[in-house]
Amino acid sequence: MARRAQNLAKVTLSLPRELVEFADAKATERETSRSKIVTEALATLRAQDEDELAREGYALYAEDNTEFAAASLSAASETFGRAS
């Protein structure tokens, strides 16, 4: 299968030696490149950030819905009277 061309950028990074050694060990273990290991690590970090933002958004949305429900219940009670 032909490899698809990707939009890649070459970068130079300064990393602690122990992280480079760790990345190299993982690359060897997975039979891939150091670049692929770093790419996967950054993609995982980005996904975690996106998940956290989604959690925060859903929490805010839930809070808004709770406030709306409380206000609606109060208005409905005033409009329809309390059930006896």
N, C-alpha and C. Protein backbone atom coordinates (compact mmCIF):
# COMPACT_ATOMS: atom_id res chain seq x y z
N MET A 1 0.85 -1.18 0.00
CA MET A 1 0.00 0.00 0.00
C MET A 1 0.90 1.23 0.00
N ALA A 2 0.60 2.17 -0.85
CA ALA A 2 1.40 3.40 -0.93
C ALA A 2 1.13 4.27 0.29
N ARG A 3 2.19 4.84 0.78
CA ARG A 3 2.05 5.72 1.94
C ARG A 3 1.55 7.09 1.48
N ARG A 4 0.55 7.58 2.14
CA ARG A 4 -0.01 8.89 1.79
C ARG A 4 0.94 9.98 2.26
N ALA A 5 1.07 11.00 1.45
CA ALA A 5 1.86 12.16 1.84
C ALA A 5 1.11 12.89 2.94
N GLN A 6 1.83 13.28 3.97
CA GLN A 6 1.22 13.98 5.08
C GLN A 6 1.79 15.38 5.17
N ASN A 7 1.05 16.26 5.79
CA ASN A 7 1.51 17.61 6.02
C ASN A 7 2.41 17.60 7.26
N LEU A 8 3.69 17.39 7.04
CA LEU A 8 4.65 17.27 8.13
C LEU A 8 5.54 18.49 8.19
N ALA A 9 6.00 18.81 9.39
CA ALA A 9 6.97 19.88 9.60
C ALA A 9 8.15 19.30 10.36
N LYS A 10 9.34 19.63 9.92
CA LYS A 10 10.53 19.21 10.64
C LYS A 10 10.79 20.21 11.75
N VAL A 11 11.08 19.71 12.94
CA VAL A 11 11.36 20.57 14.08
C VAL A 11 12.61 20.06 14.80
N THR A 12 13.23 20.94 15.54
CA THR A 12 14.35 20.57 16.38
C THR A 12 13.91 20.80 17.81
N LEU A 13 14.05 19.78 18.63
CA LEU A 13 13.64 19.86 20.03
C LEU A 13 14.83 19.58 20.93
N SER A 14 14.84 20.22 22.06
CA SER A 14 15.80 19.89 23.12
C SER A 14 15.01 19.19 24.21
N LEU A 15 15.37 17.94 24.47
CA LEU A 15 14.67 17.14 25.46
C LEU A 15 15.66 16.58 26.47
N PRO A 16 15.19 16.33 27.68
CA PRO A 16 16.06 15.65 28.64
C PRO A 16 16.50 14.29 28.08
N ARG A 17 17.74 13.96 28.29
CA ARG A 17 18.31 12.73 27.74
C ARG A 17 17.46 11.50 28.11
N GLU A 18 16.96 11.46 29.36
CA GLU A 18 16.19 10.29 29.77
C GLU A 18 14.89 10.14 28.97
N LEU A 19 14.30 11.25 28.52
CA LEU A 19 13.11 11.17 27.69
C LEU A 19 13.45 10.69 26.28
N VAL A 20 14.58 11.12 25.78
CA VAL A 20 15.03 10.64 24.46
C VAL A 20 15.28 9.14 24.53
N GLU A 21 15.94 8.70 25.60
CA GLU A 21 16.20 7.27 25.76
C GLU A 21 14.89 6.48 25.89
N PHE A 22 13.94 7.05 26.61
CA PHE A 22 12.64 6.40 26.74
C PHE A 22 11.94 6.31 25.39
N ALA A 23 11.95 7.41 24.64
CA ALA A 23 11.32 7.42 23.31
C ALA A 23 11.99 6.41 22.40
N ASP A 24 13.31 6.34 22.45
CA ASP A 24 14.03 5.38 21.61
C ASP A 24 13.69 3.95 21.99
N ALA A 25 13.58 3.68 23.29
CA ALA A 25 13.23 2.32 23.74
C ALA A 25 11.82 1.96 23.27
N LYS A 26 10.89 2.90 23.37
CA LYS A 26 9.52 2.64 22.92
C LYS A 26 9.49 2.44 21.41
N ALA A 27 10.26 3.24 20.69
CA ALA A 27 10.30 3.10 19.24
C ALA A 27 10.83 1.73 18.84
N THR A 28 11.87 1.28 19.53
CA THR A 28 12.43 -0.05 19.26
C THR A 28 11.40 -1.13 19.59
N GLU A 29 10.77 -0.99 20.74
CA GLU A 29 9.77 -1.96 21.19
C GLU A 29 8.61 -2.07 20.19
N ARG A 30 8.19 -0.94 19.65
CA ARG A 30 7.04 -0.91 18.73
C ARG A 30 7.45 -0.99 17.26
N GLU A 31 8.75 -1.10 17.04
CA GLU A 31 9.28 -1.16 15.67
C GLU A 31 8.79 0.03 14.84
N THR A 32 9.01 1.21 15.37
CA THR A 32 8.62 2.44 14.70
C THR A 32 9.70 3.48 14.92
N SER A 33 9.44 4.69 14.55
CA SER A 33 10.44 5.76 14.68
C SER A 33 10.23 6.57 15.95
N ARG A 34 11.27 7.26 16.35
CA ARG A 34 11.18 8.18 17.47
C ARG A 34 10.13 9.26 17.16
N SER A 35 10.12 9.73 15.92
CA SER A 35 9.14 10.75 15.53
C SER A 35 7.71 10.27 15.74
N LYS A 36 7.47 9.02 15.40
CA LYS A 36 6.12 8.45 15.58
C LYS A 36 5.75 8.40 17.06
N ILE A 37 6.71 8.04 17.91
CA ILE A 37 6.45 7.99 19.35
C ILE A 37 6.12 9.38 19.89
N VAL A 38 6.89 10.38 19.49
CA VAL A 38 6.63 11.75 19.94
C VAL A 38 5.29 12.24 19.40
N THR A 39 4.99 11.92 18.14
CA THR A 39 3.70 12.29 17.54
C THR A 39 2.55 11.68 18.33
N GLU A 40 2.66 10.41 18.67
CA GLU A 40 1.60 9.74 19.43
C GLU A 40 1.45 10.35 20.82
N ALA A 41 2.56 10.69 21.45
CA ALA A 41 2.50 11.31 22.79
C ALA A 41 1.80 12.66 22.73
N LEU A 42 2.14 13.46 21.73
CA LEU A 42 1.50 14.77 21.60
C LEU A 42 0.02 14.65 21.22
N ALA A 43 -0.30 13.68 20.38
CA ALA A 43 -1.71 13.45 20.02
C ALA A 43 -2.52 13.03 21.24
N THR A 44 -1.92 12.21 22.09
CA THR A 44 -2.59 11.78 23.32
C THR A 44 -2.81 12.97 24.25
N LEU A 45 -1.81 13.83 24.39
CA LEU A 45 -1.93 15.02 25.23
C LEU A 45 -3.02 15.95 24.70
N ARG A 46 -3.06 16.12 23.37
CA ARG A 46 -4.11 16.95 22.78
C ARG A 46 -5.49 16.36 23.04
N ALA A 47 -5.64 15.06 22.88
CA ALA A 47 -6.93 14.40 23.13
C ALA A 47 -7.36 14.57 24.59
N GLN A 48 -6.40 14.49 25.51
CA GLN A 48 -6.72 14.70 26.92
C GLN A 48 -7.20 16.12 27.17
N ASP A 49 -6.54 17.10 26.54
CA ASP A 49 -6.98 18.50 26.67
C ASP A 49 -8.39 18.69 26.11
N GLU A 50 -8.65 18.08 24.96
CA GLU A 50 -9.98 18.20 24.35
C GLU A 50 -11.04 17.54 25.23
N ASP A 51 -10.73 16.40 25.82
CA ASP A 51 -11.66 15.73 26.72
C ASP A 51 -11.95 16.59 27.94
N GLU A 52 -10.92 17.23 28.48
CA GLU A 52 -11.11 18.10 29.66
C GLU A 52 -11.99 19.29 29.30
N LEU A 53 -11.77 19.89 28.14
CA LEU A 53 -12.61 21.00 27.72
C LEU A 53 -14.06 20.55 27.53
N ALA A 54 -14.26 19.37 26.98
CA ALA A 54 -15.61 18.84 26.81
C ALA A 54 -16.27 18.61 28.16
N ARG A 55 -15.52 18.04 29.11
CA ARG A 55 -16.08 17.82 30.46
C ARG A 55 -16.49 19.14 31.09
N GLU A 56 -15.64 20.15 30.97
CA GLU A 56 -15.97 21.46 31.53
C GLU A 56 -17.21 22.04 30.85
N GLY A 57 -17.30 21.89 29.54
CA GLY A 57 -18.47 22.39 28.81
C GLY A 57 -19.75 21.68 29.22
N TYR A 58 -19.68 20.35 29.34
CA TYR A 58 -20.86 19.59 29.74
C TYR A 58 -21.27 19.94 31.17
N ALA A 59 -20.31 20.18 32.05
CA ALA A 59 -20.63 20.55 33.43
C ALA A 59 -21.35 21.89 33.45
N LEU A 60 -20.86 22.85 32.66
CA LEU A 60 -21.50 24.16 32.59
C LEU A 60 -22.90 24.04 32.00
N TYR A 61 -23.03 23.22 30.95
CA TYR A 61 -24.32 22.99 30.32
C TYR A 61 -25.30 22.37 31.32
N ALA A 62 -24.83 21.41 32.10
CA ALA A 62 -25.69 20.75 33.10
C ALA A 62 -26.13 21.76 34.16
N GLU A 63 -25.20 22.63 34.57
CA GLU A 63 -25.54 23.65 35.56
C GLU A 63 -26.62 24.59 35.03
N ASP A 64 -26.45 25.01 33.77
CA ASP A 64 -27.45 25.89 33.15
C ASP A 64 -28.81 25.19 33.07
N ASN A 65 -28.80 23.92 32.70
CA ASN A 65 -30.05 23.17 32.59
C ASN A 65 -30.72 23.00 33.95
N THR A 66 -29.93 22.79 34.99
CA THR A 66 -30.49 22.66 36.34
C THR A 66 -31.16 23.96 36.76
N GLU A 67 -30.48 25.09 36.49
CA GLU A 67 -31.06 26.39 36.83
C GLU A 67 -32.34 26.64 36.03
N PHE A 68 -32.34 26.29 34.75
CA PHE A 68 -33.52 26.46 33.92
C PHE A 68 -34.66 25.58 34.42
N ALA A 69 -34.34 24.35 34.79
CA ALA A 69 -35.38 23.44 35.28
C ALA A 69 -36.00 23.97 36.57
N ALA A 70 -35.17 24.50 37.46
CA ALA A 70 -35.69 25.05 38.71
C ALA A 70 -36.59 26.25 38.45
N ALA A 71 -36.17 27.11 37.54
CA ALA A 71 -36.99 28.28 37.19
C ALA A 71 -38.28 27.85 36.51
N SER A 72 -38.20 26.86 35.65
CA SER A 72 -39.39 26.37 34.96
C SER A 72 -40.37 25.73 35.92
N LEU A 73 -39.87 24.98 36.88
CA LEU A 73 -40.73 24.34 37.88
C LEU A 73 -41.47 25.40 38.68
N SER A 74 -40.75 26.44 39.05
CA SER A 74 -41.37 27.52 39.81
C SER A 74 -42.46 28.20 38.98
N ALA A 75 -42.16 28.49 37.72
CA ALA A 75 -43.15 29.14 36.85
C ALA A 75 -44.34 28.22 36.60
N ALA A 76 -44.08 26.93 36.39
CA ALA A 76 -45.18 25.98 36.16
C ALA A 76 -46.05 25.87 37.40
N SER A 77 -45.44 25.86 38.55
CA SER A 77 -46.20 25.76 39.80
C SER A 77 -47.11 26.99 39.96
N GLU A 78 -46.58 28.16 39.64
CA GLU A 78 -47.40 29.37 39.75
C GLU A 78 -48.53 29.37 38.72
N THR A 79 -48.24 28.87 37.54
CA THR A 79 -49.23 28.88 36.47
C THR A 79 -50.31 27.83 36.68
N PHE A 80 -49.93 26.64 37.01
CA PHE A 80 -50.87 25.52 37.10
C PHE A 80 -51.28 25.20 38.53
N GLY A 81 -50.69 25.86 39.47
CA GLY A 81 -50.99 25.58 40.87
C GLY A 81 -50.30 24.31 41.31
N ARG A 82 -50.21 24.16 42.55
CA ARG A 82 -49.55 22.96 43.10
C ARG A 82 -50.54 21.81 43.12
N ALA A 83 -50.03 20.65 42.77
CA ALA A 83 -50.88 19.45 42.78
C ALA A 83 -51.23 19.11 44.21
N SER A 84 -52.45 18.74 44.42
CA SER A 84 -52.89 18.39 45.78
C SER A 84 -52.92 16.91 45.98
